[in-house]
Each structure stands twice: as C-alpha cells, then as structure tokens.
Amino acid sequence: MAREPREDYDWIDDPFNEKKIAEEQERLGMTGTSKTLVGVGCLLAAVGFAALVGLLLIGLV
C-alpha cells in the first residue's frame, strides 16, 4: 500500500531551510577549514578548466 503523503513537507523551500542545512553540515563535520578547502578546490578546478579550454582554442588556431 502507498504511504500517506506528508502534508507539512514544503518541497519548494526545503533546499533553502537554513536550520536543515546547518544540521547536515554539523552531521558531516563541515567546519570552517573544510569549507575553505572545498572552496579552494572548486576554484582550482574552475581555473584549470579555463586553462584547458584556452589551450584547446590556441591549438585550433
């Protein structure tokens, strides 16, 4: 049998629920240092991707 849908679940605002996000980060152990390292890693990946695209465009010319 199908479960009854939860009436109080707000699926639109759920990704923006700051309390839920804070609880998830605490559960995962996301401290300030780990957040910074993830941000630096994303920045390096973006710069590397831009450099790769630049090299490919130069190679086509």
Protein backbone atom coordinates (compact mmCIF):
# COMPACT_ATOMS: atom_id res chain seq x y z
CA MET A 1 0.00 0.00 0.00
CA ALA A 2 1.15 3.53 -0.68
CA ARG A 3 2.19 5.73 2.19
CA GLU A 4 0.18 8.80 3.03
CA PRO A 5 1.89 11.98 1.77
CA ARG A 6 3.21 14.29 4.44
CA GLU A 7 1.12 17.44 4.38
CA ASP A 8 3.65 19.60 6.25
CA TYR A 9 6.56 18.95 3.86
CA ASP A 10 7.41 22.11 1.91
CA TRP A 11 9.42 20.82 -1.06
CA ILE A 12 9.93 24.28 -2.55
CA ASP A 13 11.60 25.85 0.47
CA ASP A 14 13.35 22.67 1.64
CA PRO A 15 16.70 23.33 -0.14
CA PHE A 16 16.79 26.80 1.46
CA ASN A 17 15.99 25.67 5.01
CA GLU A 18 18.93 27.12 6.95
CA LYS A 19 18.25 25.01 10.04
CA LYS A 20 18.29 21.80 8.00
CA ILE A 21 21.47 22.88 6.18
CA ALA A 22 23.20 23.66 9.48
CA GLU A 23 22.21 20.27 10.92
CA GLU A 24 23.50 18.48 7.81
CA GLN A 25 26.81 20.36 7.93
CA GLU A 26 27.19 19.54 11.61
CA ARG A 27 26.47 15.88 10.90
CA LEU A 28 29.05 15.83 8.13
CA GLY A 29 31.59 17.73 10.20
CA MET A 30 31.88 20.66 7.82
CA THR A 31 33.95 23.16 9.79
CA GLY A 32 35.26 26.49 8.55
CA THR A 33 38.53 24.90 7.44
CA SER A 34 36.91 22.13 5.42
CA LYS A 35 34.52 24.62 3.79
CA THR A 36 37.52 26.74 2.81
CA LEU A 37 39.35 23.76 1.36
CA VAL A 38 36.31 22.75 -0.68
CA GLY A 39 36.02 26.32 -1.97
CA VAL A 40 39.71 26.44 -2.92
CA GLY A 41 39.40 23.07 -4.67
CA CYS A 42 36.42 24.31 -6.70
CA LEU A 43 38.31 27.48 -7.60
CA LEU A 44 41.35 25.49 -8.74
CA ALA A 45 39.15 23.19 -10.81
CA ALA A 46 37.49 26.18 -12.49
CA VAL A 47 40.86 27.81 -13.25
CA GLY A 48 42.20 24.50 -14.59
CA PHE A 49 39.17 24.06 -16.80
CA ALA A 50 39.52 27.61 -18.16
CA ALA A 51 43.21 26.99 -18.87
CA LEU A 52 42.39 23.74 -20.66
CA VAL A 53 39.78 25.46 -22.81
CA GLY A 54 42.26 28.24 -23.57
CA LEU A 55 44.94 25.75 -24.64
CA LEU A 56 42.47 23.92 -26.85
CA LEU A 57 41.39 27.17 -28.52
CA ILE A 58 45.01 28.19 -29.10
CA GLY A 59 45.71 24.76 -30.57
CA LEU A 60 42.86 25.17 -33.06
CA VAL A 61 44.32 28.40 -34.44
